[in-house]
Amino acid sequence: MPGKIEAYVQDGLVETDLQLALRAVITGAAVAMPHFSALADLPRELKADGSVVTAADRAVEAAIREVLTDARPDDAILGEEEGGATAGAARRWIIDPIDGTRLFVEGDDRWLVLLGLEEDGEIVAGVAAHPAQGSIWWASRGGGTFEGRIVGGRAVAATPVRVTEGGPDTLEESRLGVVPEEWAPHLVAPLKAITPPLPWRIHPGLMVARGELDLAIQTGGQIWDFAATSLILTEAGGSFSGLNGRTRPGPGASLYARSEALREAALEVLADARHSA
């Protein structure tokens, strides 16, 4: 992987899926930032599930869809705001235009733009950006995980990312992250009783991939919340699953772990707590 990822077709070369994903996310990030800079004027409403949605969410998704449709008109698209192909497509792009809308509307810079590509049920490319922090992560199946910066509409300064290797596989010695804790305090209580959660400046799943945490739990979400970050973690050497052990991204709470053994240890603790409740 070169030190700079060109986000556009150059010299007549066709974009790879990963390059397209990077371009789409960077385009979405550019649409989001003016809204983030003018929050006082941003209309917002509650969806049926009680979550916040804004004009920024819709504008970002529309921008990403336009990039993808122009480049890959035959591919299916599923987005959090506009819906789309729910299953069965050979190739499906999965968009979370603003992951963490509540953070966004509060002026907190930890929100993300997420995009994953699914082929025959497997995530094969994923990009996650913290636009307000200028950072971006990407991964392709078998190609590893990289972190870079968004500069001039491109992803630059690519740095390989790996989980902490050879660390503890016991919860007592692990560094834990929780997002968002307020959704399900009862769910995370068994893990917090063993190891206290640490504060996070970037998504905790990305911190596991980067080696700054050993374990993270995301207490809820849909496939678009996990498509990109699950691949970024596993290509960095980590282990991902839902609380039912499902290793493909899907609805519900999910675990990001430095190792399979640590993930299984966390699943066991959570299962024991549910059975004894």
Protein backbone atom coordinates (compact mmCIF):
# COMPACT_ATOMS: atom_id res chain seq x y z
CA MET A 1 0.00 0.00 0.00
CA PRO A 2 1.56 3.33 -1.03
CA GLY A 3 1.99 6.24 1.33
CA LYS A 4 -0.68 8.21 -0.53
CA ILE A 5 -3.96 6.85 -1.88
CA GLU A 6 -5.11 8.67 -5.01
CA ALA A 7 -8.86 9.11 -4.61
CA TYR A 8 -9.64 9.70 -8.30
CA VAL A 9 -9.10 7.95 -11.61
CA GLN A 10 -5.79 9.07 -13.11
CA ASP A 11 -3.89 8.22 -16.28
CA GLY A 12 -6.89 6.26 -17.59
CA LEU A 13 -6.74 3.71 -14.76
CA VAL A 14 -10.00 2.40 -13.32
CA GLU A 15 -10.56 2.87 -9.60
CA THR A 16 -10.41 -0.17 -7.40
CA ASP A 17 -13.33 -0.72 -5.05
CA LEU A 18 -11.21 0.51 -2.15
CA GLN A 19 -10.19 3.68 -3.99
CA LEU A 20 -13.84 4.29 -4.84
CA ALA A 21 -14.83 3.77 -1.21
CA LEU A 22 -12.20 6.26 -0.11
CA ARG A 23 -13.39 8.83 -2.66
CA ALA A 24 -17.03 8.35 -1.66
CA VAL A 25 -16.31 8.75 2.07
CA ILE A 26 -14.10 11.80 1.52
CA THR A 27 -16.85 13.32 -0.64
CA GLY A 28 -19.37 12.65 2.13
CA ALA A 29 -17.04 14.12 4.73
CA ALA A 30 -16.72 17.31 2.67
CA VAL A 31 -20.51 17.62 2.58
CA ALA A 32 -20.81 17.03 6.32
CA MET A 33 -18.28 19.57 7.52
CA PRO A 34 -20.15 22.80 6.58
CA HIS A 35 -23.20 21.46 8.44
CA PHE A 36 -21.02 20.66 11.46
CA SER A 37 -19.64 24.20 11.37
CA ALA A 38 -23.16 25.69 11.42
CA LEU A 39 -25.00 23.51 13.93
CA ALA A 40 -27.20 26.30 15.22
CA ASP A 41 -28.93 26.46 11.83
CA LEU A 42 -29.18 22.69 11.28
CA PRO A 43 -32.76 21.31 11.37
CA ARG A 44 -33.07 18.03 13.25
CA GLU A 45 -35.84 15.57 14.05
CA LEU A 46 -36.44 12.26 15.77
CA LYS A 47 -36.93 9.06 13.80
CA ALA A 48 -39.45 6.42 14.84
CA ASP A 49 -36.81 4.61 16.91
CA GLY A 50 -36.02 7.80 18.86
CA SER A 51 -32.68 8.44 17.16
CA VAL A 52 -31.77 11.87 15.82
CA VAL A 53 -31.63 12.59 12.08
CA THR A 54 -30.62 15.84 10.40
CA ALA A 55 -30.39 17.37 6.96
CA ALA A 56 -26.68 16.62 7.18
CA ASP A 57 -27.30 12.85 7.45
CA ARG A 58 -29.43 12.93 4.32
CA ALA A 59 -27.09 15.19 2.36
CA VAL A 60 -24.05 13.06 3.17
CA GLU A 61 -25.80 9.85 2.17
CA ALA A 62 -27.03 11.41 -1.07
CA ALA A 63 -23.50 12.56 -1.94
CA ILE A 64 -22.02 9.12 -1.27
CA ARG A 65 -24.78 7.41 -3.26
CA GLU A 66 -24.13 9.68 -6.23
CA VAL A 67 -20.42 8.81 -6.27
CA LEU A 68 -21.13 5.08 -6.01
CA THR A 69 -23.93 5.06 -8.58
CA ASP A 70 -21.87 6.96 -11.14
CA ALA A 71 -18.93 4.57 -10.76
CA ARG A 72 -20.75 1.25 -10.17
CA PRO A 73 -24.29 1.63 -11.59
CA ASP A 74 -25.02 -2.09 -11.33
CA ASP A 75 -24.20 -2.38 -7.62
CA ALA A 76 -26.87 -2.35 -4.91
CA ILE A 77 -26.79 0.24 -2.13
CA LEU A 78 -28.15 0.13 1.43
CA GLY A 79 -28.09 3.35 3.45
CA GLU A 80 -29.27 4.19 6.94
CA GLU A 81 -31.41 7.10 5.77
CA GLU A 82 -32.67 6.05 2.31
CA GLY A 83 -32.81 2.30 2.77
CA GLY A 84 -32.25 0.16 -0.31
CA ALA A 85 -31.14 -3.41 -0.91
CA THR A 86 -31.50 -5.25 2.39
CA ALA A 87 -30.03 -8.61 1.35
CA GLY A 88 -29.31 -10.96 -1.51
CA ALA A 89 -27.35 -8.68 -3.84
CA ALA A 90 -24.05 -10.02 -5.16
CA ARG A 91 -22.44 -6.62 -4.47
CA ARG A 92 -23.87 -4.18 -1.95
CA TRP A 93 -22.49 -0.89 -0.64
CA ILE A 94 -23.52 -0.18 2.97
CA ILE A 95 -23.57 3.46 4.11
CA ASP A 96 -23.77 5.07 7.53
CA PRO A 97 -23.59 8.74 6.52
CA ILE A 98 -23.12 10.11 10.04
CA ASP A 99 -22.45 7.51 12.69
CA GLY A 100 -23.06 9.21 16.02
CA THR A 101 -25.56 11.89 15.01
CA ARG A 102 -26.10 12.82 18.66
CA LEU A 103 -22.38 13.58 18.94
CA PHE A 104 -22.60 15.56 15.70
CA VAL A 105 -25.46 17.81 16.85
CA GLU A 106 -23.74 18.38 20.21
CA GLY A 107 -20.60 19.66 18.48
CA ASP A 108 -18.56 16.61 19.54
CA ASP A 109 -15.96 15.73 16.87
CA ARG A 110 -16.09 11.94 17.39
CA TRP A 111 -18.79 11.24 14.77
CA LEU A 112 -17.88 9.18 11.71
CA VAL A 113 -18.71 8.56 8.07
CA LEU A 114 -18.77 4.79 7.37
CA LEU A 115 -18.88 2.80 4.14
CA GLY A 116 -18.50 -0.92 3.52
CA LEU A 117 -18.69 -3.11 0.42
CA GLU A 118 -20.28 -6.53 0.76
CA GLU A 119 -19.74 -9.25 -1.85
CA ASP A 120 -21.70 -12.49 -1.56
CA GLY A 121 -22.34 -11.84 2.13
CA GLU A 122 -18.75 -10.93 3.05
CA ILE A 123 -17.41 -7.42 3.72
CA VAL A 124 -14.49 -6.94 1.35
CA ALA A 125 -13.71 -3.22 1.70
CA GLY A 126 -14.33 -0.71 4.44
CA VAL A 127 -13.60 2.95 5.13
CA ALA A 128 -14.21 4.89 8.34
CA ALA A 129 -13.49 8.60 8.74
CA HIS A 130 -13.59 11.06 11.64
CA PRO A 131 -13.96 14.11 9.35
CA ALA A 132 -13.87 16.73 12.11
CA GLN A 133 -10.56 15.23 13.25
CA GLY A 134 -9.21 14.86 9.72
CA SER A 135 -8.50 11.14 10.16
CA ILE A 136 -9.45 8.15 8.01
CA TRP A 137 -9.07 4.35 8.22
CA TRP A 138 -9.44 1.80 5.46
CA ALA A 139 -9.13 -1.93 4.86
CA SER A 140 -9.62 -4.50 2.11
CA ARG A 141 -10.01 -8.23 2.63
CA GLY A 142 -6.54 -9.74 2.63
CA GLY A 143 -4.95 -6.31 2.17
CA GLY A 144 -4.53 -5.15 5.76
CA THR A 145 -5.65 -2.02 7.58
CA PHE A 146 -4.28 1.51 7.23
CA GLU A 147 -4.78 4.85 8.91
CA GLY A 148 -4.20 8.21 7.25
CA ARG A 149 -5.21 11.84 7.06
CA ILE A 150 -7.68 13.64 4.80
CA VAL A 151 -5.78 16.40 3.02
CA GLY A 152 -6.90 18.20 -0.12
CA GLY A 153 -9.67 15.71 -0.82
CA ARG A 154 -7.35 12.71 -0.62
CA ALA A 155 -6.30 10.11 1.91
CA VAL A 156 -2.58 10.60 2.57
CA ALA A 157 0.14 9.44 4.98
CA ALA A 158 -0.95 5.79 4.99
CA THR A 159 0.27 3.97 8.11
CA PRO A 160 -0.27 0.22 8.70
CA VAL A 161 -2.43 -0.52 11.73
CA ARG A 162 -2.23 -3.61 13.95
CA VAL A 163 -3.82 -4.71 17.20
CA THR A 164 -1.65 -5.22 20.26
CA GLU A 165 -0.15 -8.67 19.84
CA GLY A 166 0.86 -10.90 22.72
CA GLY A 167 -1.27 -8.98 25.20
CA PRO A 168 -3.53 -10.37 27.91
CA ASP A 169 -6.39 -12.67 27.00
CA THR A 170 -8.07 -12.18 30.38
CA LEU A 171 -10.60 -9.45 31.03
CA GLU A 172 -8.98 -8.44 34.32
CA GLU A 173 -5.93 -7.06 32.51
CA SER A 174 -7.69 -5.66 29.45
CA ARG A 175 -8.28 -2.08 28.36
CA LEU A 176 -12.02 -1.70 27.68
CA GLY A 177 -14.00 0.82 25.65
CA VAL A 178 -17.80 1.21 25.56
CA VAL A 179 -19.93 3.02 22.95
CA PRO A 180 -22.54 4.24 23.69
CA GLU A 181 -22.81 3.21 27.33
CA GLU A 182 -26.10 4.99 27.98
CA TRP A 183 -27.98 2.72 25.55
CA ALA A 184 -27.59 -0.42 27.65
CA PRO A 185 -25.93 0.05 31.06
CA HIS A 186 -27.19 -3.35 32.21
CA LEU A 187 -25.46 -4.99 29.24
CA VAL A 188 -22.01 -3.59 29.93
CA ALA A 189 -22.19 -3.88 33.73
CA PRO A 190 -20.63 -7.40 33.84
CA LEU A 191 -17.60 -6.21 31.86
CA LYS A 192 -17.30 -2.97 33.86
CA ALA A 193 -17.29 -5.00 37.08
CA ILE A 194 -14.10 -6.70 35.87
CA THR A 195 -12.29 -3.84 34.13
CA PRO A 196 -13.32 -0.16 34.11
CA PRO A 197 -13.98 1.40 30.69
CA LEU A 198 -11.51 3.99 29.45
CA PRO A 199 -12.33 7.30 27.74
CA TRP A 200 -12.10 7.37 23.94
CA ARG A 201 -11.25 10.05 21.40
CA ILE A 202 -11.92 7.90 18.34
CA HIS A 203 -14.36 5.03 17.89
CA PRO A 204 -13.36 2.32 20.42
CA GLY A 205 -13.37 -0.37 17.72
CA LEU A 206 -10.75 1.63 15.83
CA MET A 207 -8.77 2.01 19.05
CA VAL A 208 -8.69 -1.79 19.35
CA ALA A 209 -7.46 -2.02 15.76
CA ARG A 210 -4.78 0.58 16.51
CA GLY A 211 -3.64 -1.21 19.67
CA GLU A 212 -4.86 1.41 22.15
CA LEU A 213 -7.60 -0.81 23.60
CA ASP A 214 -7.88 -4.57 23.98
CA LEU A 215 -11.67 -4.87 23.95
CA ALA A 216 -14.63 -2.69 22.99
CA ILE A 217 -18.37 -3.22 23.08
CA GLN A 218 -20.82 -1.30 20.91
CA THR A 219 -24.12 -1.64 22.71
CA GLY A 220 -26.38 -1.45 19.67
CA GLY A 221 -26.57 -0.79 15.98
CA GLN A 222 -27.43 -2.09 12.52
CA ILE A 223 -25.30 -3.55 9.76
CA TRP A 224 -24.25 -0.08 8.58
CA ASP A 225 -22.78 0.63 12.03
CA PHE A 226 -20.46 -2.38 11.79
CA ALA A 227 -19.76 -3.14 8.11
CA ALA A 228 -16.67 -0.94 7.79
CA THR A 229 -15.32 -1.12 11.33
CA SER A 230 -15.58 -4.92 11.56
CA LEU A 231 -13.32 -5.36 8.52
CA ILE A 232 -10.92 -2.65 9.67
CA LEU A 233 -10.53 -4.54 12.95
CA THR A 234 -10.16 -8.04 11.52
CA GLU A 235 -7.68 -6.93 8.86
CA ALA A 236 -5.67 -5.36 11.70
CA GLY A 237 -5.49 -8.80 13.32
CA GLY A 238 -8.43 -8.50 15.71
CA SER A 239 -11.64 -10.46 16.24
CA PHE A 240 -15.23 -9.21 15.81
CA SER A 241 -18.65 -10.69 16.51
CA GLY A 242 -22.15 -10.01 17.69
CA LEU A 243 -23.05 -11.12 21.20
CA ASN A 244 -24.49 -14.29 19.69
CA GLY A 245 -21.07 -15.14 18.25
CA ARG A 246 -22.02 -14.18 14.68
CA THR A 247 -18.84 -12.97 12.98
CA ARG A 248 -20.55 -11.09 10.15
CA PRO A 249 -21.86 -7.59 10.93
CA GLY A 250 -25.56 -7.34 11.68
CA PRO A 251 -28.09 -5.81 14.08
CA GLY A 252 -27.53 -5.74 17.82
CA ALA A 253 -24.62 -5.22 20.18
CA SER A 254 -21.16 -6.29 19.02
CA LEU A 255 -17.66 -6.89 20.36
CA TYR A 256 -14.30 -5.75 19.02
CA ALA A 257 -11.37 -7.65 20.55
CA ARG A 258 -7.61 -7.82 20.21
CA SER A 259 -7.81 -11.61 19.94
CA GLU A 260 -10.35 -14.35 19.45
CA ALA A 261 -9.58 -15.70 22.92
CA LEU A 262 -10.34 -12.36 24.54
CA ARG A 263 -13.56 -11.96 22.56
CA GLU A 264 -14.69 -15.42 23.63
CA ALA A 265 -13.86 -14.62 27.25
CA ALA A 266 -16.02 -11.50 27.06
CA LEU A 267 -18.87 -13.42 25.42
CA GLU A 268 -18.73 -15.99 28.22
CA VAL A 269 -18.96 -13.32 30.92
CA LEU A 270 -21.90 -11.65 29.19
CA ALA A 271 -23.69 -14.98 28.65
CA ASP A 272 -23.21 -15.99 32.31
CA ALA A 273 -24.66 -12.65 33.41
CA ARG A 274 -27.73 -13.09 31.20
CA HIS A 275 -28.33 -16.62 32.44
CA SER A 276 -28.05 -15.63 36.11
CA ALA A 277 -30.30 -12.58 35.77
